[in-house]
């Protein structure tokens, strides 16, 4: 996106569903971008260049899910005991940590 004092120019790259009119999608996106940018910024959008890079085929295998992350929810001074400091293992935990959750 190029922004001047009163004007803006936008470059977009799209992936379009197969069997959908690329011209119709591009025109709808162009009108939506112009309206949103002008409405949010007050700038005059002098051009919206759209490049269709790919087509999406619904029969293709879906992308793999994002990797799962484990979060312990435990903070400093929590109930996990240190293996490096034996004295920490002997001290009672001040706060109990919840079981790790997977998101």
Protein backbone atom coordinates (compact mmCIF):
# COMPACT_ATOMS: atom_id res chain seq x y z
CA UNK A 1 0.00 0.00 0.00
CA UNK A 2 1.34 3.39 -0.95
CA UNK A 3 0.01 6.34 1.02
CA UNK A 4 0.37 10.00 0.17
CA UNK A 5 -1.06 13.02 1.93
CA UNK A 6 -4.48 12.66 0.31
CA UNK A 7 -4.31 9.54 -1.87
CA UNK A 8 -3.58 5.85 -1.54
CA UNK A 9 -2.77 3.00 -3.91
CA UNK A 10 -3.28 -0.64 -2.91
CA UNK A 11 -1.71 -3.81 -4.31
CA UNK A 12 -3.36 -7.14 -3.42
CA UNK A 13 -2.63 -10.79 -4.14
CA UNK A 14 -5.55 -13.23 -4.03
CA UNK A 15 -6.31 -16.92 -4.19
CA UNK A 16 -9.73 -17.49 -5.77
CA UNK A 17 -12.00 -20.51 -5.52
CA UNK A 18 -12.09 -22.63 -8.68
CA UNK A 19 -15.22 -22.16 -10.83
CA UNK A 20 -15.80 -18.64 -9.46
CA UNK A 21 -15.65 -15.68 -11.81
CA UNK A 22 -12.26 -14.08 -11.22
CA UNK A 23 -13.46 -10.80 -12.76
CA UNK A 24 -16.47 -10.63 -10.41
CA UNK A 25 -14.39 -11.44 -7.33
CA UNK A 26 -11.74 -8.89 -8.30
CA UNK A 27 -14.33 -6.16 -8.87
CA UNK A 28 -16.10 -6.91 -5.57
CA UNK A 29 -12.79 -6.87 -3.68
CA UNK A 30 -11.76 -3.64 -5.43
CA UNK A 31 -15.00 -1.86 -4.48
CA UNK A 32 -14.82 -3.14 -0.88
CA UNK A 33 -11.20 -2.03 -0.44
CA UNK A 34 -11.94 1.42 -1.87
CA UNK A 35 -14.94 1.89 0.42
CA UNK A 36 -13.13 0.62 3.55
CA UNK A 37 -9.91 2.58 3.05
CA UNK A 38 -11.78 5.79 2.24
CA UNK A 39 -14.12 5.26 5.19
CA UNK A 40 -11.36 4.52 7.71
CA UNK A 41 -8.75 7.04 6.57
CA UNK A 42 -10.51 9.65 4.45
CA UNK A 43 -7.89 9.09 1.73
CA UNK A 44 -8.89 8.93 -1.92
CA UNK A 45 -7.97 5.51 -3.30
CA UNK A 46 -6.59 6.21 -6.76
CA UNK A 47 -5.95 2.55 -7.70
CA UNK A 48 -6.36 -1.01 -6.45
CA UNK A 49 -4.19 -3.48 -8.33
CA UNK A 50 -5.23 -7.11 -7.88
CA UNK A 51 -3.15 -10.12 -8.87
CA UNK A 52 -4.70 -13.58 -8.70
CA UNK A 53 -1.84 -15.87 -7.74
CA UNK A 54 -3.66 -19.16 -7.37
CA UNK A 55 -6.94 -21.01 -7.52
CA UNK A 56 -8.32 -23.04 -4.62
CA UNK A 57 -9.73 -26.49 -5.44
CA UNK A 58 -12.13 -27.81 -2.80
CA UNK A 59 -11.38 -31.44 -3.73
CA UNK A 60 -7.78 -30.99 -2.68
CA UNK A 61 -6.77 -32.23 0.75
CA UNK A 62 -7.28 -29.62 3.47
CA UNK A 63 -4.16 -28.05 4.94
CA UNK A 64 -2.80 -29.73 8.07
CA UNK A 65 -3.97 -28.28 11.39
CA UNK A 66 -1.60 -25.93 13.19
CA UNK A 67 0.79 -27.60 15.64
CA UNK A 68 -0.54 -28.01 19.17
CA UNK A 69 1.11 -26.07 21.94
CA UNK A 70 1.33 -27.13 25.56
CA UNK A 71 0.88 -24.36 28.12
CA UNK A 72 1.50 -25.05 31.78
CA UNK A 73 -0.12 -21.96 33.28
CA UNK A 74 2.52 -22.12 36.02
CA UNK A 75 4.32 -18.94 37.08
CA UNK A 76 7.35 -18.19 39.22
CA UNK A 77 7.06 -19.58 42.68
CA UNK A 78 4.65 -22.23 41.45
CA UNK A 79 4.50 -25.89 42.33
CA UNK A 80 6.98 -27.34 39.83
CA UNK A 81 10.06 -28.55 41.62
CA UNK A 82 13.55 -27.96 40.26
CA UNK A 83 15.70 -30.97 39.45
CA UNK A 84 18.83 -28.82 39.65
CA UNK A 85 18.23 -27.51 43.17
CA UNK A 86 17.51 -30.29 45.68
CA UNK A 87 16.63 -27.75 48.38
CA UNK A 88 13.80 -26.44 46.19
CA UNK A 89 12.37 -29.96 45.97
CA UNK A 90 12.20 -30.21 49.75
CA UNK A 91 10.35 -26.90 50.18
CA UNK A 92 6.56 -27.03 49.94
CA UNK A 93 5.07 -25.34 46.92
CA UNK A 94 3.50 -21.97 47.62
CA UNK A 95 1.09 -22.23 44.72
CA UNK A 96 -0.27 -25.28 42.98
CA UNK A 97 0.05 -25.18 39.20
CA UNK A 98 -2.84 -26.41 37.12
CA UNK A 99 -2.28 -29.37 34.85
CA UNK A 100 -0.82 -28.41 31.48
CA UNK A 101 -3.45 -27.70 28.87
CA UNK A 102 -3.16 -28.30 25.15
CA UNK A 103 -4.47 -25.63 22.81
